[in-house]
Amino acid sequence: MKGRGRRFTPCFLPLYCTMDSWIRPFARVLLILLGLVLWGAAAALAFGGAFVILTYKNYRWFFQNCFLLLPGWLAVVAAFLLLPTGALAIGIPARNSRYQQGTFMYLLVVLFCLEASVAMLAHIYPDKMGSELKGTLGHLFHQYNGTHSHCPSNRAVDIIQKQLQCCGVYNYTDWVKAALPVSCHLQARSICVPESCCKETFHCSGDVNQSAQLFQEGCLKKLNYRLHFVMHFVFWCCAVLACLQVLAAISNGILMKHRPFQDLRILDSAVFS
């Protein structure tokens, strides 16, 4: 009676057999380490995506459209998908399940598509938004009519100057050119800037003659810097993740190669003999 045990193929190439003996254990260890790294990368990508979303929500008055939210939400979705992907990478070497290996490869493909989209948007948006911010900031700052006004656009100007510690579009002298209708308490003829331009360490009324008490940098430069920083952070997170996922796919492929399908023997001639 013929046995139906696993078939062993003799190795005629000693060097290949030697390499084959350590490649599989190495792939197992590498896949476990990559699973742990993917969890850490998920936290970094979620942080970057949340930072993009918060940047838009805090300064939405200065963005002409809501497309800035797209790379942020895509990054958050990719970060959540990285959690089960990392869990599969850690569990596959122990269980060696075909279903887990196939699901893992499918998730890697989906993640690669998401990260490519996020990286492309993060690379394009900063330059595109920079030109739009210049016009929007100039328009809102020109319409400003006082710190104590209840107009939403005025509150947006005060908020950005307080949070980013900036004054004016380019610097505090922009308010002098705009002839801001604000009266100073110190001198009747003094030119003043909004109180949101004042440094918290000083008690000032916004008198431009006391420039040491005012923020010196403009809001356009600081908002552009924040936008470029968060977008470049998300871009490099996606680039590093793509490299890690290629290594994970190769490691998983090596394990799949060393465990061929045993149940699919439809075309095996021995079945019909």
C-alpha atoms as a PDB file:
ATOM      1  CA  MET A   1       0.000   0.000   0.000  1.00  0.00           C
ATOM      2  CA  LYS A   2       1.425   3.273  -1.079  1.00  0.00           C
ATOM      3  CA  GLY A   3       1.864   5.996   1.484  1.00  0.00           C
ATOM      4  CA  ARG A   4       0.627   9.475   0.937  1.00  0.00           C
ATOM      5  CA  GLY A   5       3.106  11.304   3.138  1.00  0.00           C
ATOM      6  CA  ARG A   6       4.957  14.454   2.245  1.00  0.00           C
ATOM      7  CA  ARG A   7       7.357  14.061  -0.658  1.00  0.00           C
ATOM      8  CA  PHE A   8      10.955  15.031  -0.096  1.00  0.00           C
ATOM      9  CA  THR A   9      13.022  16.185  -2.988  1.00  0.00           C
ATOM     10  CA  PRO A  10      16.750  15.517  -2.698  1.00  0.00           C
ATOM     11  CA  CYS A  11      18.962  18.589  -2.950  1.00  0.00           C
ATOM     12  CA  PHE A  12      21.604  18.340  -5.662  1.00  0.00           C
ATOM     13  CA  LEU A  13      23.087  21.819  -4.996  1.00  0.00           C
ATOM     14  CA  PRO A  14      24.806  21.910  -1.573  1.00  0.00           C
ATOM     15  CA  LEU A  15      25.234  25.703  -1.639  1.00  0.00           C
ATOM     16  CA  TYR A  16      21.534  26.232  -2.358  1.00  0.00           C
ATOM     17  CA  CYS A  17      20.601  23.819   0.425  1.00  0.00           C
ATOM     18  CA  THR A  18      22.861  25.669   2.872  1.00  0.00           C
ATOM     19  CA  MET A  19      21.298  29.007   1.991  1.00  0.00           C
ATOM     20  CA  ASP A  20      17.839  27.483   2.089  1.00  0.00           C
ATOM     21  CA  SER A  21      18.396  26.236   5.651  1.00  0.00           C
ATOM     22  CA  TRP A  22      18.911  29.726   7.109  1.00  0.00           C
ATOM     23  CA  ILE A  23      16.752  31.863   4.803  1.00  0.00           C
ATOM     24  CA  ARG A  24      13.484  30.524   6.214  1.00  0.00           C
ATOM     25  CA  PRO A  25      14.341  31.111   9.915  1.00  0.00           C
ATOM     26  CA  PHE A  26      15.669  34.538   8.982  1.00  0.00           C
ATOM     27  CA  ALA A  27      12.408  35.344   7.175  1.00  0.00           C
ATOM     28  CA  ARG A  28      10.420  34.284  10.247  1.00  0.00           C
ATOM     29  CA  VAL A  29      12.408  36.521  12.607  1.00  0.00           C
ATOM     30  CA  LEU A  30      12.363  39.424  10.153  1.00  0.00           C
ATOM     31  CA  LEU A  31       8.600  39.185   9.706  1.00  0.00           C
ATOM     32  CA  ILE A  32       8.031  39.305  13.482  1.00  0.00           C
ATOM     33  CA  LEU A  33      10.305  42.342  13.826  1.00  0.00           C
ATOM     34  CA  LEU A  34       8.585  44.054  10.905  1.00  0.00           C
ATOM     35  CA  GLY A  35       5.207  43.423  12.540  1.00  0.00           C
ATOM     36  CA  LEU A  36       6.349  45.275  15.664  1.00  0.00           C
ATOM     37  CA  VAL A  37       7.803  48.099  13.569  1.00  0.00           C
ATOM     38  CA  LEU A  38       4.545  48.398  11.616  1.00  0.00           C
ATOM     39  CA  TRP A  39       2.691  48.994  14.887  1.00  0.00           C
ATOM     40  CA  GLY A  40       5.080  51.803  15.763  1.00  0.00           C
ATOM     41  CA  ALA A  41       4.800  53.238  12.261  1.00  0.00           C
ATOM     42  CA  ALA A  42       1.005  53.140  12.581  1.00  0.00           C
ATOM     43  CA  ALA A  43       1.225  55.437  15.616  1.00  0.00           C
ATOM     44  CA  ALA A  44       3.511  57.850  13.736  1.00  0.00           C
ATOM     45  CA  LEU A  45       1.253  57.894  10.671  1.00  0.00           C
ATOM     46  CA  ALA A  46      -1.872  58.405  12.798  1.00  0.00           C
ATOM     47  CA  PHE A  47      -0.153  61.328  14.527  1.00  0.00           C
ATOM     48  CA  GLY A  48       0.737  62.872  11.159  1.00  0.00           C
ATOM     49  CA  GLY A  49      -2.776  62.424   9.798  1.00  0.00           C
ATOM     50  CA  ALA A  50      -4.358  63.884  12.943  1.00  0.00           C
ATOM     51  CA  PHE A  51      -1.951  66.848  12.777  1.00  0.00           C
ATOM     52  CA  VAL A  52      -3.056  67.546   9.185  1.00  0.00           C
ATOM     53  CA  ILE A  53      -6.738  67.416  10.193  1.00  0.00           C
ATOM     54  CA  LEU A  54      -6.202  69.690  13.201  1.00  0.00           C
ATOM     55  CA  THR A  55      -4.204  72.163  11.098  1.00  0.00           C
ATOM     56  CA  TYR A  56      -7.136  72.481   8.724  1.00  0.00           C
ATOM     57  CA  LYS A  57      -9.741  72.747  11.496  1.00  0.00           C
ATOM     58  CA  ASN A  58      -7.776  75.396  13.419  1.00  0.00           C
ATOM     59  CA  TYR A  59      -7.064  77.553  10.352  1.00  0.00           C
ATOM     60  CA  ARG A  60      -9.905  76.623   8.010  1.00  0.00           C
ATOM     61  CA  TRP A  61     -10.664  80.302   7.361  1.00  0.00           C
ATOM     62  CA  PHE A  62      -7.366  80.600   5.482  1.00  0.00           C
ATOM     63  CA  PHE A  63      -7.869  77.599   3.184  1.00  0.00           C
ATOM     64  CA  GLN A  64     -10.086  78.039   0.147  1.00  0.00           C
ATOM     65  CA  ASN A  65     -11.164  74.377   0.003  1.00  0.00           C
ATOM     66  CA  CYS A  66     -11.285  71.310   2.224  1.00  0.00           C
ATOM     67  CA  PHE A  67      -9.025  69.108   0.093  1.00  0.00           C
ATOM     68  CA  LEU A  68      -6.348  69.410   2.766  1.00  0.00           C
ATOM     69  CA  LEU A  69      -8.398  66.944   4.814  1.00  0.00           C
ATOM     70  CA  LEU A  70      -7.982  64.206   2.191  1.00  0.00           C
ATOM     71  CA  PRO A  71      -4.345  63.220   2.921  1.00  0.00           C
ATOM     72  CA  GLY A  72      -5.057  63.501   6.639  1.00  0.00           C
ATOM     73  CA  TRP A  73      -7.996  61.085   6.644  1.00  0.00           C
ATOM     74  CA  LEU A  74      -6.260  58.688   4.229  1.00  0.00           C
ATOM     75  CA  ALA A  75      -3.262  58.605   6.567  1.00  0.00           C
ATOM     76  CA  VAL A  76      -5.530  57.822   9.539  1.00  0.00           C
ATOM     77  CA  VAL A  77      -7.242  54.999   7.609  1.00  0.00           C
ATOM     78  CA  ALA A  78      -3.857  53.561   6.611  1.00  0.00           C
ATOM     79  CA  ALA A  79      -2.709  53.751  10.245  1.00  0.00           C
ATOM     80  CA  PHE A  80      -5.716  51.713  11.414  1.00  0.00           C
ATOM     81  CA  LEU A  81      -5.123  49.102   8.694  1.00  0.00           C
ATOM     82  CA  LEU A  82      -1.522  48.775   9.860  1.00  0.00           C
ATOM     83  CA  LEU A  83      -2.688  47.374  13.204  1.00  0.00           C
ATOM     84  CA  PRO A  84      -4.153  44.086  11.871  1.00  0.00           C
ATOM     85  CA  THR A  85      -1.351  43.931   9.307  1.00  0.00           C
ATOM     86  CA  GLY A  86       1.247  44.032  12.076  1.00  0.00           C
ATOM     87  CA  ALA A  87      -0.687  41.412  14.048  1.00  0.00           C
ATOM     88  CA  LEU A  88      -0.698  39.084  11.035  1.00  0.00           C
ATOM     89  CA  ALA A  89       3.027  39.630  10.508  1.00  0.00           C
ATOM     90  CA  ILE A  90       3.671  38.513  14.085  1.00  0.00           C
ATOM     91  CA  GLY A  91       1.276  35.545  13.936  1.00  0.00           C
ATOM     92  CA  ILE A  92       2.198  34.093  10.533  1.00  0.00           C
ATOM     93  CA  PRO A  93       5.625  32.664  11.542  1.00  0.00           C
ATOM     94  CA  ALA A  94       4.008  30.790  14.452  1.00  0.00           C
ATOM     95  CA  ARG A  95       0.898  29.400  12.727  1.00  0.00           C
ATOM     96  CA  ASN A  96       2.044  29.380   9.107  1.00  0.00           C
ATOM     97  CA  SER A  97      -1.558  29.608   7.936  1.00  0.00           C
ATOM     98  CA  ARG A  98      -2.288  29.978   4.230  1.00  0.00           C
ATOM     99  CA  TYR A  99      -5.332  32.116   4.951  1.00  0.00           C
ATOM    100  CA  GLN A 100      -3.341  34.508   7.105  1.00  0.00           C
ATOM    101  CA  GLN A 101      -0.561  34.724   4.535  1.00  0.00           C
ATOM    102  CA  GLY A 102      -3.026  35.529   1.751  1.00  0.00           C
ATOM    103  CA  THR A 103      -4.851  38.126   3.869  1.00  0.00           C
ATOM    104  CA  PHE A 104      -1.519  39.663   4.817  1.00  0.00           C
ATOM    105  CA  MET A 105      -0.488  40.065   1.175  1.00  0.00           C
ATOM    106  CA  TYR A 106      -3.873  41.577   0.328  1.00  0.00           C
ATOM    107  CA  LEU A 107      -3.564  44.140   3.146  1.00  0.00           C
ATOM    108  CA  LEU A 108      -0.060  45.048   2.000  1.00  0.00           C
ATOM    109  CA  VAL A 109      -1.367  45.826  -1.495  1.00  0.00           C
ATOM    110  CA  VAL A 110      -4.203  47.978  -0.109  1.00  0.00           C
ATOM    111  CA  LEU A 111      -1.817  49.794   2.214  1.00  0.00           C
ATOM    112  CA  PHE A 112       0.671  50.406  -0.571  1.00  0.00           C
ATOM    113  CA  CYS A 113      -2.050  52.048  -2.684  1.00  0.00           C
ATOM    114  CA  LEU A 114      -3.207  54.213   0.229  1.00  0.00           C
ATOM    115  CA  GLU A 115       0.310  55.292   1.130  1.00  0.00           C
ATOM    116  CA  ALA A 116       1.186  56.092  -2.481  1.00  0.00           C
ATOM    117  CA  SER A 117      -1.890  58.340  -2.679  1.00  0.00           C
ATOM    118  CA  VAL A 118      -1.076  60.060   0.621  1.00  0.00           C
ATOM    119  CA  ALA A 119       2.574  60.580  -0.362  1.00  0.00           C
ATOM    120  CA  MET A 120       1.595  62.102  -3.713  1.00  0.00           C
ATOM    121  CA  LEU A 121      -0.930  64.475  -2.122  1.00  0.00           C
ATOM    122  CA  ALA A 122       1.491  65.435   0.652  1.00  0.00           C
ATOM    123  CA  HIS A 123       4.130  66.247  -1.961  1.00  0.00           C
ATOM    124  CA  ILE A 124       1.821  68.359  -4.160  1.00  0.00           C
ATOM    125  CA  TYR A 125      -0.362  70.204  -1.637  1.00  0.00           C
ATOM    126  CA  PRO A 126       2.219  72.409   0.195  1.00  0.00           C
ATOM    127  CA  ASP A 127       3.286  74.288  -2.946  1.00  0.00           C
ATOM    128  CA  LYS A 128      -0.292  74.565  -4.174  1.00  0.00           C
ATOM    129  CA  MET A 129      -1.588  75.800  -0.819  1.00  0.00           C
ATOM    130  CA  GLY A 130       1.250  78.310  -0.436  1.00  0.00           C
ATOM    131  CA  SER A 131      -0.002  80.504  -3.266  1.00  0.00           C
ATOM    132  CA  GLU A 132      -3.592  80.282  -2.006  1.00  0.00           C
ATOM    133  CA  LEU A 133      -2.640  81.200   1.558  1.00  0.00           C
ATOM    134  CA  LYS A 134      -0.978  84.415   0.428  1.00  0.00           C
ATOM    135  CA  GLY A 135      -4.182  85.728  -1.155  1.00  0.00           C
ATOM    136  CA  THR A 136      -6.504  84.495   1.601  1.00  0.00           C
ATOM    137  CA  LEU A 137      -4.396  85.890   4.436  1.00  0.00           C
ATOM    138  CA  GLY A 138      -4.070  89.251   2.699  1.00  0.00           C
ATOM    139  CA  HIS A 139      -7.836  89.458   2.164  1.00  0.00           C
ATOM    140  CA  LEU A 140      -8.809  88.551   5.752  1.00  0.00           C
ATOM    141  CA  PHE A 141      -6.160  90.780   7.323  1.00  0.00           C
ATOM    142  CA  HIS A 142      -7.323  93.678   5.138  1.00  0.00           C
ATOM    143  CA  GLN A 143     -10.941  93.178   6.314  1.00  0.00           C
ATOM    144  CA  TYR A 144      -9.959  93.119   9.986  1.00  0.00           C
ATOM    145  CA  ASN A 145     -11.716  95.893  11.943  1.00  0.00           C
ATOM    146  CA  GLY A 146     -10.815  95.434  15.581  1.00  0.00           C
ATOM    147  CA  THR A 147      -9.912  92.925  18.283  1.00  0.00           C
ATOM    148  CA  HIS A 148     -13.253  93.173  20.071  1.00  0.00           C
ATOM    149  CA  SER A 149     -15.334  92.585  16.957  1.00  0.00           C
ATOM    150  CA  HIS A 150     -17.564  89.494  16.871  1.00  0.00           C
ATOM    151  CA  CYS A 151     -16.954  88.866  13.174  1.00  0.00           C
ATOM    152  CA  PRO A 152     -15.748  85.242  12.621  1.00  0.00           C
ATOM    153  CA  SER A 153     -12.989  86.351  10.233  1.00  0.00           C
ATOM    154  CA  ASN A 154     -11.671  88.784  12.878  1.00  0.00           C
ATOM    155  CA  ARG A 155     -11.588  86.005  15.472  1.00  0.00           C
ATOM    156  CA  ALA A 156      -9.720  83.819  12.972  1.00  0.00           C
ATOM    157  CA  VAL A 157      -7.062  86.518  12.555  1.00  0.00           C
ATOM    158  CA  ASP A 158      -6.685  86.901  16.331  1.00  0.00           C
ATOM    159  CA  ILE A 159      -6.490  83.136  16.815  1.00  0.00           C
ATOM    160  CA  ILE A 160      -3.764  82.596  14.229  1.00  0.00           C
ATOM    161  CA  GLN A 161      -1.691  85.482  15.622  1.00  0.00           C
ATOM    162  CA  LYS A 162      -1.939  84.140  19.183  1.00  0.00           C
ATOM    163  CA  GLN A 163      -1.349  80.479  18.377  1.00  0.00           C
ATOM    164  CA  LEU A 164       1.479  80.955  15.882  1.00  0.00           C
ATOM    165  CA  GLN A 165       2.927  83.989  17.721  1.00  0.00           C
ATOM    166  CA  CYS A 166       2.957  86.095  14.588  1.00  0.00           C
ATOM    167  CA  CYS A 167       1.778  89.547  13.538  1.00  0.00           C
ATOM    168  CA  GLY A 168       0.544  90.615  10.126  1.00  0.00           C
ATOM    169  CA  VAL A 169       0.923  88.769   6.851  1.00  0.00           C
ATOM    170  CA  TYR A 170       4.692  89.365   6.508  1.00  0.00           C
ATOM    171  CA  ASN A 171       5.425  91.310   9.747  1.00  0.00           C
ATOM    172  CA  TYR A 172       3.782  93.792  12.114  1.00  0.00           C
ATOM    173  CA  THR A 173       4.285  96.723   9.714  1.00  0.00           C
ATOM    174  CA  ASP A 174       1.481  95.292   7.539  1.00  0.00           C
ATOM    175  CA  TRP A 175      -0.969  96.728  10.079  1.00  0.00           C
ATOM    176  CA  VAL A 176       0.578 100.173   9.681  1.00  0.00           C
ATOM    177  CA  LYS A 177       0.008 100.038   5.918  1.00  0.00           C
ATOM    178  CA  ALA A 178      -3.548  98.823   6.431  1.00  0.00           C
ATOM    179  CA  ALA A 179      -4.426 101.815   8.679  1.00  0.00           C
ATOM    180  CA  LEU A 180      -6.107  99.609  11.286  1.00  0.00           C
ATOM    181  CA  PRO A 181      -9.016 101.396  13.017  1.00  0.00           C
ATOM    182  CA  VAL A 182      -7.794 100.712  16.567  1.00  0.00           C
ATOM    183  CA  SER A 183      -7.155 103.419  19.127  1.00  0.00           C
ATOM    184  CA  CYS A 184      -4.232 103.283  21.522  1.00  0.00           C
ATOM    185  CA  HIS A 185      -4.566 104.106  25.172  1.00  0.00           C
ATOM    186  CA  LEU A 186      -1.102 105.580  25.475  1.00  0.00           C
ATOM    187  CA  GLN A 187      -1.093 108.226  22.765  1.00  0.00           C
ATOM    188  CA  ALA A 188      -3.981 109.501  20.701  1.00  0.00           C
ATOM    189  CA  ARG A 189      -1.924 109.696  17.528  1.00  0.00           C
ATOM    190  CA  SER A 190      -0.127 106.366  17.876  1.00  0.00           C
ATOM    191  CA  ILE A 191      -0.622 103.600  15.312  1.00  0.00           C
ATOM    192  CA  CYS A 192      -1.620 100.316  16.856  1.00  0.00           C
ATOM    193  CA  VAL A 193      -1.832  96.665  15.887  1.00  0.00           C
ATOM    194  CA  PRO A 194      -4.324  94.104  17.272  1.00  0.00           C
ATOM    195  CA  GLU A 195      -3.736  93.041  20.857  1.00  0.00           C
ATOM    196  CA  SER A 196      -3.278  89.468  19.603  1.00  0.00           C
ATOM    197  CA  CYS A 197       0.112  90.646  18.271  1.00  0.00           C
ATOM    198  CA  CYS A 198       1.356  91.328  21.802  1.00  0.00           C
ATOM    199  CA  LYS A 199       3.735  88.969  23.539  1.00  0.00           C
ATOM    200  CA  GLU A 200       2.246  87.439  26.672  1.00  0.00           C
ATOM    201  CA  THR A 201       5.253  88.431  28.776  1.00  0.00           C
ATOM    202  CA  PHE A 202       4.428  92.119  28.275  1.00  0.00           C
ATOM    203  CA  HIS A 203       1.427  94.289  29.053  1.00  0.00           C
ATOM    204  CA  CYS A 204       0.947  96.239  25.862  1.00  0.00           C
ATOM    205  CA  SER A 205      -1.831  97.895  23.930  1.00  0.00           C
ATOM    206  CA  GLY A 206      -0.395  97.212  20.467  1.00  0.00           C
ATOM    207  CA  ASP A 207       1.579 100.433  19.988  1.00  0.00           C
ATOM    208  CA  VAL A 208       3.937  99.955  17.010  1.00  0.00           C
ATOM    209  CA  ASN A 209       6.408 102.367  18.619  1.00  0.00           C
ATOM    210  CA  GLN A 210       7.048  99.625  21.182  1.00  0.00           C
ATOM    211  CA  SER A 211       7.933  96.921  18.671  1.00  0.00           C
ATOM    212  CA  ALA A 212       9.848  94.873  21.262  1.00  0.00           C
ATOM    213  CA  GLN A 213       6.491  93.967  22.797  1.00  0.00           C
ATOM    214  CA  LEU A 214       5.117  92.632  19.506  1.00  0.00           C
ATOM    215  CA  PHE A 215       5.637  89.414  17.568  1.00  0.00           C
ATOM    216  CA  GLN A 216       8.067  90.115  14.761  1.00  0.00           C
ATOM    217  CA  GLU A 217       7.433  87.347  12.228  1.00  0.00           C
ATOM    218  CA  GLY A 218       4.526  87.258   9.807  1.00  0.00           C
ATOM    219  CA  CYS A 219       1.739  84.683   9.879  1.00  0.00           C
ATOM    220  CA  LEU A 220       2.200  83.631   6.243  1.00  0.00           C
ATOM    221  CA  LYS A 221       5.702  82.344   6.887  1.00  0.00           C
ATOM    222  CA  LYS A 222       4.726  80.487  10.061  1.00  0.00           C
ATOM    223  CA  LEU A 223       1.583  78.904   8.629  1.00  0.00           C
ATOM    224  CA  ASN A 224       3.503  77.827   5.520  1.00  0.00           C
ATOM    225  CA  TYR A 225       6.211  76.316   7.719  1.00  0.00           C
ATOM    226  CA  ARG A 226       3.651  74.346   9.751  1.00  0.00           C
ATOM    227  CA  LEU A 227       1.943  73.108   6.587  1.00  0.00           C
ATOM    228  CA  HIS A 228       5.229  72.028   4.979  1.00  0.00           C
ATOM    229  CA  PHE A 229       6.417  70.351   8.181  1.00  0.00           C
ATOM    230  CA  VAL A 230       3.333  68.199   8.682  1.00  0.00           C
ATOM    231  CA  MET A 231       3.091  67.283   4.998  1.00  0.00           C
ATOM    232  CA  HIS A 232       6.762  66.308   4.790  1.00  0.00           C
ATOM    233  CA  PHE A 233       6.358  64.264   7.971  1.00  0.00           C
ATOM    234  CA  VAL A 234       3.442  62.340   6.457  1.00  0.00           C
ATOM    235  CA  PHE A 235       5.310  61.932   3.154  1.00  0.00           C
ATOM    236  CA  TRP A 236       8.385  60.374   4.763  1.00  0.00           C
ATOM    237  CA  CYS A 237       6.231  58.151   6.987  1.00  0.00           C
ATOM    238  CA  CYS A 238       4.607  56.731   3.856  1.00  0.00           C
ATOM    239  CA  ALA A 239       7.961  56.346   2.072  1.00  0.00           C
ATOM    240  CA  VAL A 240       9.512  54.422   4.989  1.00  0.00           C
ATOM    241  CA  LEU A 241       6.387  52.298   5.382  1.00  0.00           C
ATOM    242  CA  ALA A 242       6.462  51.347   1.705  1.00  0.00           C
ATOM    243  CA  CYS A 243      10.041  50.045   2.085  1.00  0.00           C
ATOM    244  CA  LEU A 244       9.133  48.091   5.220  1.00  0.00           C
ATOM    245  CA  GLN A 245       6.113  46.565   3.509  1.00  0.00           C
ATOM    246  CA  VAL A 246       8.251  45.409   0.573  1.00  0.00           C
ATOM    247  CA  LEU A 247      10.515  43.589   3.040  1.00  0.00           C
ATOM    248  CA  ALA A 248       7.460  42.101   4.753  1.00  0.00           C
ATOM    249  CA  ALA A 249       6.049  40.901   1.419  1.00  0.00           C
ATOM    250  CA  ILE A 250       9.382  39.272   0.505  1.00  0.00           C
ATOM    251  CA  SER A 251       9.597  37.539   3.898  1.00  0.00           C
ATOM    252  CA  ASN A 252       6.034  36.292   3.604  1.00  0.00           C
ATOM    253  CA  GLY A 253       6.722  35.101   0.061  1.00  0.00           C
ATOM    254  CA  ILE A 254       9.696  33.065   1.266  1.00  0.00           C
ATOM    255  CA  LEU A 255       7.543  31.366   3.887  1.00  0.00           C
ATOM    256  CA  MET A 256       4.819  30.675   1.328  1.00  0.00           C
ATOM    257  CA  LYS A 257       7.390  29.192  -1.053  1.00  0.00           C
ATOM    258  CA  HIS A 258       8.631  26.745   1.579  1.00  0.00           C
ATOM    259  CA  ARG A 259       5.114  25.547   2.289  1.00  0.00           C
ATOM    260  CA  PRO A 260       3.548  24.475  -1.020  1.00  0.00           C
ATOM    261  CA  PHE A 261      -0.151  23.637  -1.295  1.00  0.00           C
ATOM    262  CA  GLN A 262      -0.752  20.021  -0.220  1.00  0.00           C
ATOM    263  CA  ASP A 263      -4.483  19.826  -0.730  1.00  0.00           C
ATOM    264  CA  LEU A 264      -4.751  20.958  -4.349  1.00  0.00           C
ATOM    265  CA  ARG A 265      -3.818  17.739  -6.216  1.00  0.00           C
ATOM    266  CA  ILE A 266      -6.486  17.774  -8.905  1.00  0.00           C
ATOM    267  CA  LEU A 267      -4.005  17.421 -11.744  1.00  0.00           C
ATOM    268  CA  ASP A 268      -1.797  14.917  -9.968  1.00  0.00           C
ATOM    269  CA  SER A 269      -1.611  11.758 -12.101  1.00  0.00           C
ATOM    270  CA  ALA A 270      -1.287   9.588  -8.999  1.00  0.00           C
ATOM    271  CA  VAL A 271      -4.851  10.450  -8.022  1.00  0.00           C
ATOM    272  CA  PHE A 272      -6.264   8.933 -11.210  1.00  0.00           C
ATOM    273  CA  SER A 273      -4.018   5.846 -11.276  1.00  0.00           C
END
